[in-house]
Amino acid sequence: MRELNCFGETCPKPVIRALKALGDPAAAGSVRVLVDNEVAVENLRRLAASKGAQADVACREGGWAVEITGAPLPAAPGGEEAEAGLPEGIVCPAPAPVSPPVAGEAPTVLVGANVLGRGNDELGGVLMRGVLFAMAERAEVPRRLIFYNSGALLTCEGSPALDDIRALAERGCEVLTCGTCLDYLGLKDALAVGGVTNLYAITEAMLGAGKVVTL
């Protein structure tokens, strides 16, 4: 069985490497992936499920070994260098693939900090809360909000902007938070609104959206 050492690699690299390895006919639908973080373990479980395969997880020194077996063989030759996309449902976790932009659609908004602007962070926090409140009060809401880096703090328990973000979600705005960021900040169990995504999906959203606004 082919083995991939993904120790030290963050989302979405372990899943992408496993997906490409499974695309190699020589792998015969099986691969063992060594990872050192729980986010990667869950992503690999979802990858296996998306392929109709079995995922077995065993503890290893410093991490886990995830064995994926029974994946269908590729229809055409692949290999680790082949192009590949993440299946729907993968989280780092990732959302469904981004649909093509539609003329006149609402923008995707990237929130990379829990404050707005540089300078005084207390003032920046007030400004960020004001912007999110204003968004929630508009007749049309953004298509999606993506929170990353310290912006992930805004979607977690204790956030002063939580009510406004929840109001946006209830009105159809897709709310996503970077899973790697939540893990790094120790907040993966504190997410209070929306779903979890990864850098692969964030990139797809940025490049696939008709309009992107960065706060």
C-alpha atoms as a PDB file:
ATOM      1  CA  MET A   1       0.000   0.000   0.000  1.00  0.00           C
ATOM      2  CA  ARG A   2       1.325   3.417  -0.914  1.00  0.00           C
ATOM      3  CA  GLU A   3       2.122   5.596   2.113  1.00  0.00           C
ATOM      4  CA  LEU A   4       2.102   9.397   2.208  1.00  0.00           C
ATOM      5  CA  ASN A   5       3.855  11.189   5.052  1.00  0.00           C
ATOM      6  CA  CYS A   6       1.865  14.378   5.571  1.00  0.00           C
ATOM      7  CA  PHE A   7       3.220  15.260   8.999  1.00  0.00           C
ATOM      8  CA  GLY A   8       3.526  19.008   9.335  1.00  0.00           C
ATOM      9  CA  GLU A   9       1.148  19.657   6.429  1.00  0.00           C
ATOM     10  CA  THR A  10      -1.979  21.715   6.999  1.00  0.00           C
ATOM     11  CA  CYS A  11      -5.290  21.742   5.194  1.00  0.00           C
ATOM     12  CA  PRO A  12      -5.895  21.061   2.406  1.00  0.00           C
ATOM     13  CA  LYS A  13      -2.606  19.371   1.419  1.00  0.00           C
ATOM     14  CA  PRO A  14      -3.153  15.907   2.973  1.00  0.00           C
ATOM     15  CA  VAL A  15      -6.521  15.469   1.254  1.00  0.00           C
ATOM     16  CA  ILE A  16      -5.268  16.730  -2.102  1.00  0.00           C
ATOM     17  CA  ARG A  17      -2.229  14.431  -1.960  1.00  0.00           C
ATOM     18  CA  ALA A  18      -4.420  11.456  -1.024  1.00  0.00           C
ATOM     19  CA  LEU A  19      -6.889  12.268  -3.789  1.00  0.00           C
ATOM     20  CA  LYS A  20      -4.116  12.428  -6.381  1.00  0.00           C
ATOM     21  CA  ALA A  21      -2.545   9.211  -5.099  1.00  0.00           C
ATOM     22  CA  LEU A  22      -5.891   7.423  -5.440  1.00  0.00           C
ATOM     23  CA  GLY A  23      -5.939   8.640  -9.030  1.00  0.00           C
ATOM     24  CA  ASP A  24      -2.884   6.503  -9.764  1.00  0.00           C
ATOM     25  CA  PRO A  25      -3.975   3.053 -11.049  1.00  0.00           C
ATOM     26  CA  ALA A  26      -0.904   1.559  -9.350  1.00  0.00           C
ATOM     27  CA  ALA A  27      -2.429   2.457  -5.962  1.00  0.00           C
ATOM     28  CA  ALA A  28      -5.271  -0.005  -6.651  1.00  0.00           C
ATOM     29  CA  GLY A  29      -7.719   2.173  -4.762  1.00  0.00           C
ATOM     30  CA  SER A  30      -5.746   2.197  -1.504  1.00  0.00           C
ATOM     31  CA  VAL A  31      -3.472   4.631   0.284  1.00  0.00           C
ATOM     32  CA  ARG A  32      -2.137   5.148   3.803  1.00  0.00           C
ATOM     33  CA  VAL A  33      -1.796   8.774   4.931  1.00  0.00           C
ATOM     34  CA  LEU A  34       0.203   9.838   8.007  1.00  0.00           C
ATOM     35  CA  VAL A  35      -1.071  13.064   9.565  1.00  0.00           C
ATOM     36  CA  ASP A  36      -0.520  14.962  12.792  1.00  0.00           C
ATOM     37  CA  ASN A  37      -3.771  16.901  13.201  1.00  0.00           C
ATOM     38  CA  GLU A  38      -7.396  15.907  13.765  1.00  0.00           C
ATOM     39  CA  VAL A  39      -8.711  18.203  11.025  1.00  0.00           C
ATOM     40  CA  ALA A  40      -6.780  16.169   8.451  1.00  0.00           C
ATOM     41  CA  VAL A  41      -8.091  12.906   9.937  1.00  0.00           C
ATOM     42  CA  GLU A  42     -11.699  14.055   9.553  1.00  0.00           C
ATOM     43  CA  ASN A  43     -11.037  15.369   6.046  1.00  0.00           C
ATOM     44  CA  LEU A  44      -9.611  12.000   5.004  1.00  0.00           C
ATOM     45  CA  ARG A  45     -12.624  10.193   6.454  1.00  0.00           C
ATOM     46  CA  ARG A  46     -14.859  12.402   4.328  1.00  0.00           C
ATOM     47  CA  LEU A  47     -12.697  11.806   1.281  1.00  0.00           C
ATOM     48  CA  ALA A  48     -13.099   8.060   1.738  1.00  0.00           C
ATOM     49  CA  ALA A  49     -16.861   8.413   2.185  1.00  0.00           C
ATOM     50  CA  SER A  50     -17.101  10.515  -0.980  1.00  0.00           C
ATOM     51  CA  LYS A  51     -15.367   7.690  -2.876  1.00  0.00           C
ATOM     52  CA  GLY A  52     -17.469   4.939  -1.321  1.00  0.00           C
ATOM     53  CA  ALA A  53     -14.292   3.636   0.311  1.00  0.00           C
ATOM     54  CA  GLN A  54     -13.329   2.446   3.798  1.00  0.00           C
ATOM     55  CA  ALA A  55     -11.245   4.618   6.151  1.00  0.00           C
ATOM     56  CA  ASP A  56      -9.453   3.022   9.095  1.00  0.00           C
ATOM     57  CA  VAL A  57      -7.647   5.238  11.592  1.00  0.00           C
ATOM     58  CA  ALA A  58      -4.846   4.080  13.886  1.00  0.00           C
ATOM     59  CA  CYS A  59      -2.769   6.087  16.337  1.00  0.00           C
ATOM     60  CA  ARG A  60       0.875   6.591  15.453  1.00  0.00           C
ATOM     61  CA  GLU A  61       3.625   8.311  17.411  1.00  0.00           C
ATOM     62  CA  GLY A  62       2.942  12.000  16.961  1.00  0.00           C
ATOM     63  CA  GLY A  63      -0.284  11.526  15.022  1.00  0.00           C
ATOM     64  CA  TRP A  64      -2.454   9.091  13.101  1.00  0.00           C
ATOM     65  CA  ALA A  65      -2.329   6.729  10.135  1.00  0.00           C
ATOM     66  CA  VAL A  66      -5.439   6.833   7.964  1.00  0.00           C
ATOM     67  CA  GLU A  67      -5.818   3.891   5.573  1.00  0.00           C
ATOM     68  CA  ILE A  68      -8.240   4.389   2.707  1.00  0.00           C
ATOM     69  CA  THR A  69      -9.156   1.179   0.913  1.00  0.00           C
ATOM     70  CA  GLY A  70     -11.688   0.141  -1.685  1.00  0.00           C
ATOM     71  CA  ALA A  71     -11.748   3.374  -3.684  1.00  0.00           C
ATOM     72  CA  PRO A  72     -12.847   2.909  -7.305  1.00  0.00           C
ATOM     73  CA  LEU A  73     -10.060   2.762  -9.856  1.00  0.00           C
ATOM     74  CA  PRO A  74      -9.690   5.849 -12.053  1.00  0.00           C
ATOM     75  CA  ALA A  75     -11.198   5.785 -15.524  1.00  0.00           C
ATOM     76  CA  ALA A  76      -7.980   7.189 -17.001  1.00  0.00           C
ATOM     77  CA  PRO A  77      -4.339   7.211 -15.922  1.00  0.00           C
ATOM     78  CA  GLY A  78      -3.679   9.682 -13.128  1.00  0.00           C
ATOM     79  CA  GLY A  79      -0.921   9.931 -10.584  1.00  0.00           C
ATOM     80  CA  GLU A  80       0.114  12.269  -7.851  1.00  0.00           C
ATOM     81  CA  GLU A  81       0.918  15.028 -10.286  1.00  0.00           C
ATOM     82  CA  ALA A  82      -2.487  14.850 -11.966  1.00  0.00           C
ATOM     83  CA  GLU A  83      -4.952  17.666 -11.576  1.00  0.00           C
ATOM     84  CA  ALA A  84      -7.572  17.041  -8.911  1.00  0.00           C
ATOM     85  CA  GLY A  85     -10.332  18.848  -7.107  1.00  0.00           C
ATOM     86  CA  LEU A  86     -11.777  18.162  -3.670  1.00  0.00           C
ATOM     87  CA  PRO A  87     -15.032  16.210  -3.659  1.00  0.00           C
ATOM     88  CA  GLU A  88     -18.158  17.840  -2.287  1.00  0.00           C
ATOM     89  CA  GLY A  89     -18.374  17.575   1.506  1.00  0.00           C
ATOM     90  CA  ILE A  90     -14.640  17.673   2.250  1.00  0.00           C
ATOM     91  CA  VAL A  91     -14.012  20.062   5.082  1.00  0.00           C
ATOM     92  CA  CYS A  92     -10.825  21.441   6.432  1.00  0.00           C
ATOM     93  CA  PRO A  93     -13.736  21.116   5.789  1.00  0.00           C
ATOM     94  CA  ALA A  94     -14.821  22.372   2.372  1.00  0.00           C
ATOM     95  CA  PRO A  95     -18.221  23.339   0.979  1.00  0.00           C
ATOM     96  CA  ALA A  96     -19.670  22.142  -2.306  1.00  0.00           C
ATOM     97  CA  PRO A  97     -17.773  23.325  -5.385  1.00  0.00           C
ATOM     98  CA  VAL A  98     -18.351  26.995  -6.117  1.00  0.00           C
ATOM     99  CA  SER A  99     -20.935  27.557  -8.819  1.00  0.00           C
ATOM    100  CA  PRO A 100     -20.112  29.899 -11.710  1.00  0.00           C
ATOM    101  CA  PRO A 101     -20.850  33.580 -11.067  1.00  0.00           C
ATOM    102  CA  VAL A 102     -24.192  34.922 -12.181  1.00  0.00           C
ATOM    103  CA  ALA A 103     -24.540  38.454 -13.515  1.00  0.00           C
ATOM    104  CA  GLY A 104     -25.773  40.777 -10.797  1.00  0.00           C
ATOM    105  CA  GLU A 105     -25.338  38.258  -7.978  1.00  0.00           C
ATOM    106  CA  ALA A 106     -24.465  39.401  -4.469  1.00  0.00           C
ATOM    107  CA  PRO A 107     -20.757  39.559  -3.582  1.00  0.00           C
ATOM    108  CA  THR A 108     -18.583  37.186  -1.618  1.00  0.00           C
ATOM    109  CA  VAL A 109     -17.118  39.013   1.388  1.00  0.00           C
ATOM    110  CA  LEU A 110     -13.760  37.988   2.875  1.00  0.00           C
ATOM    111  CA  VAL A 111     -13.221  38.867   6.530  1.00  0.00           C
ATOM    112  CA  GLY A 112      -9.570  38.378   7.467  1.00  0.00           C
ATOM    113  CA  ALA A 113      -9.557  40.119  10.860  1.00  0.00           C
ATOM    114  CA  ASN A 114     -11.843  40.793  13.802  1.00  0.00           C
ATOM    115  CA  VAL A 115     -11.207  44.523  13.370  1.00  0.00           C
ATOM    116  CA  LEU A 116     -11.743  46.853  10.420  1.00  0.00           C
ATOM    117  CA  GLY A 117      -8.716  48.832   9.276  1.00  0.00           C
ATOM    118  CA  ARG A 118      -5.336  49.403  10.864  1.00  0.00           C
ATOM    119  CA  GLY A 119      -4.486  51.563  13.815  1.00  0.00           C
ATOM    120  CA  ASN A 120      -6.563  51.396  16.976  1.00  0.00           C
ATOM    121  CA  ASP A 121      -7.893  47.862  17.496  1.00  0.00           C
ATOM    122  CA  GLU A 122     -10.647  48.991  19.869  1.00  0.00           C
ATOM    123  CA  LEU A 123     -11.930  51.401  17.242  1.00  0.00           C
ATOM    124  CA  GLY A 124     -11.437  48.729  14.567  1.00  0.00           C
ATOM    125  CA  GLY A 125     -13.636  46.335  16.543  1.00  0.00           C
ATOM    126  CA  VAL A 126     -16.390  48.926  16.759  1.00  0.00           C
ATOM    127  CA  LEU A 127     -16.137  49.557  13.015  1.00  0.00           C
ATOM    128  CA  MET A 128     -16.269  45.845  12.144  1.00  0.00           C
ATOM    129  CA  ARG A 129     -19.360  45.314  14.272  1.00  0.00           C
ATOM    130  CA  GLY A 130     -20.943  48.335  12.611  1.00  0.00           C
ATOM    131  CA  VAL A 131     -20.262  47.030   9.106  1.00  0.00           C
ATOM    132  CA  LEU A 132     -21.684  43.588   9.900  1.00  0.00           C
ATOM    133  CA  PHE A 133     -24.738  45.196  11.483  1.00  0.00           C
ATOM    134  CA  ALA A 134     -25.227  47.344   8.376  1.00  0.00           C
ATOM    135  CA  MET A 135     -24.971  44.244   6.160  1.00  0.00           C
ATOM    136  CA  ALA A 136     -27.621  42.492   8.240  1.00  0.00           C
ATOM    137  CA  GLU A 137     -29.950  45.477   7.874  1.00  0.00           C
ATOM    138  CA  ARG A 138     -29.671  45.732   4.089  1.00  0.00           C
ATOM    139  CA  ALA A 139     -32.439  44.510   1.802  1.00  0.00           C
ATOM    140  CA  GLU A 140     -29.931  42.268  -0.009  1.00  0.00           C
ATOM    141  CA  VAL A 141     -27.346  40.246   1.876  1.00  0.00           C
ATOM    142  CA  PRO A 142     -23.950  39.014   0.563  1.00  0.00           C
ATOM    143  CA  ARG A 143     -23.841  35.676  -1.226  1.00  0.00           C
ATOM    144  CA  ARG A 144     -21.341  34.411   1.339  1.00  0.00           C
ATOM    145  CA  LEU A 145     -19.125  35.577   4.177  1.00  0.00           C
ATOM    146  CA  ILE A 146     -15.770  33.841   4.620  1.00  0.00           C
ATOM    147  CA  PHE A 147     -13.913  34.370   7.900  1.00  0.00           C
ATOM    148  CA  TYR A 148     -10.204  33.557   8.285  1.00  0.00           C
ATOM    149  CA  ASN A 149      -7.196  34.462  10.445  1.00  0.00           C
ATOM    150  CA  SER A 150      -8.436  36.496  13.433  1.00  0.00           C
ATOM    151  CA  GLY A 151     -11.694  37.042  11.559  1.00  0.00           C
ATOM    152  CA  ALA A 152     -12.556  33.517  12.739  1.00  0.00           C
ATOM    153  CA  LEU A 153     -13.094  34.998  16.204  1.00  0.00           C
ATOM    154  CA  LEU A 154     -16.228  36.710  14.924  1.00  0.00           C
ATOM    155  CA  THR A 155     -18.122  33.467  14.265  1.00  0.00           C
ATOM    156  CA  CYS A 156     -17.328  31.884  17.637  1.00  0.00           C
ATOM    157  CA  GLU A 157     -19.028  31.965  21.015  1.00  0.00           C
ATOM    158  CA  GLY A 158     -18.516  35.280  22.762  1.00  0.00           C
ATOM    159  CA  SER A 159     -18.265  37.314  19.556  1.00  0.00           C
ATOM    160  CA  PRO A 160     -20.016  40.697  19.860  1.00  0.00           C
ATOM    161  CA  ALA A 161     -21.017  40.389  16.190  1.00  0.00           C
ATOM    162  CA  LEU A 162     -22.600  36.948  16.528  1.00  0.00           C
ATOM    163  CA  ASP A 163     -26.237  38.104  16.403  1.00  0.00           C
ATOM    164  CA  ASP A 164     -25.689  40.027  13.172  1.00  0.00           C
ATOM    165  CA  ILE A 165     -23.821  37.151  11.502  1.00  0.00           C
ATOM    166  CA  ARG A 166     -26.572  34.746  12.534  1.00  0.00           C
ATOM    167  CA  ALA A 167     -29.159  37.144  11.093  1.00  0.00           C
ATOM    168  CA  LEU A 168     -27.260  37.162   7.796  1.00  0.00           C
ATOM    169  CA  ALA A 169     -27.113  33.348   7.776  1.00  0.00           C
ATOM    170  CA  GLU A 170     -30.848  33.090   8.470  1.00  0.00           C
ATOM    171  CA  ARG A 171     -31.505  35.299   5.446  1.00  0.00           C
ATOM    172  CA  GLY A 172     -29.558  33.028   3.112  1.00  0.00           C
ATOM    173  CA  CYS A 173     -25.975  34.299   3.338  1.00  0.00           C
ATOM    174  CA  GLU A 174     -23.561  31.358   3.402  1.00  0.00           C
ATOM    175  CA  VAL A 175     -21.238  31.765   6.406  1.00  0.00           C
ATOM    176  CA  LEU A 176     -17.935  29.874   6.330  1.00  0.00           C
ATOM    177  CA  THR A 177     -14.944  29.910   8.673  1.00  0.00           C
ATOM    178  CA  CYS A 178     -11.431  28.631   7.948  1.00  0.00           C
ATOM    179  CA  GLY A 179     -10.923  25.306   9.740  1.00  0.00           C
ATOM    180  CA  THR A 180      -7.146  25.713   9.955  1.00  0.00           C
ATOM    181  CA  CYS A 181      -7.655  29.082  11.642  1.00  0.00           C
ATOM    182  CA  LEU A 182     -10.116  27.645  14.176  1.00  0.00           C
ATOM    183  CA  ASP A 183      -7.684  24.841  14.951  1.00  0.00           C
ATOM    184  CA  TYR A 184      -4.720  27.219  15.339  1.00  0.00           C
ATOM    185  CA  LEU A 185      -6.698  29.542  17.623  1.00  0.00           C
ATOM    186  CA  GLY A 186      -8.009  26.620  19.696  1.00  0.00           C
ATOM    187  CA  LEU A 187     -11.597  27.433  18.734  1.00  0.00           C
ATOM    188  CA  LYS A 188     -12.705  24.404  16.699  1.00  0.00           C
ATOM    189  CA  ASP A 189     -15.342  23.552  19.332  1.00  0.00           C
ATOM    190  CA  ALA A 190     -16.458  27.166  19.770  1.00  0.00           C
ATOM    191  CA  LEU A 191     -17.873  27.823  16.291  1.00  0.00           C
ATOM    192  CA  ALA A 192     -21.353  29.240  16.788  1.00  0.00           C
ATOM    193  CA  VAL A 193     -22.613  30.037  13.300  1.00  0.00           C
ATOM    194  CA  GLY A 194     -22.117  28.685   9.791  1.00  0.00           C
ATOM    195  CA  GLY A 195     -19.863  25.935   8.508  1.00  0.00           C
ATOM    196  CA  VAL A 196     -16.154  25.222   8.304  1.00  0.00           C
ATOM    197  CA  THR A 197     -14.091  25.537   5.151  1.00  0.00           C
ATOM    198  CA  ASN A 198     -10.453  25.363   4.018  1.00  0.00           C
ATOM    199  CA  LEU A 199      -7.931  27.304   1.979  1.00  0.00           C
ATOM    200  CA  TYR A 200      -8.676  25.294  -1.153  1.00  0.00           C
ATOM    201  CA  ALA A 201     -12.341  26.212  -0.979  1.00  0.00           C
ATOM    202  CA  ILE A 202     -11.566  29.821  -0.053  1.00  0.00           C
ATOM    203  CA  THR A 203      -9.395  30.083  -3.164  1.00  0.00           C
ATOM    204  CA  GLU A 204     -12.149  28.553  -5.295  1.00  0.00           C
ATOM    205  CA  ALA A 205     -14.643  31.036  -3.842  1.00  0.00           C
ATOM    206  CA  MET A 206     -12.385  34.012  -4.512  1.00  0.00           C
ATOM    207  CA  LEU A 207     -11.635  32.993  -8.097  1.00  0.00           C
ATOM    208  CA  GLY A 208     -15.135  31.760  -8.883  1.00  0.00           C
ATOM    209  CA  ALA A 209     -17.158  34.628  -7.475  1.00  0.00           C
ATOM    210  CA  GLY A 210     -18.424  37.391  -9.710  1.00  0.00           C
ATOM    211  CA  LYS A 211     -17.531  40.013  -7.122  1.00  0.00           C
ATOM    212  CA  VAL A 212     -15.274  39.774  -4.066  1.00  0.00           C
ATOM    213  CA  VAL A 213     -15.067  42.322  -1.248  1.00  0.00           C
ATOM    214  CA  THR A 214     -12.261  42.121   1.321  1.00  0.00           C
ATOM    215  CA  LEU A 215     -12.707  43.753   4.720  1.00  0.00           C
END
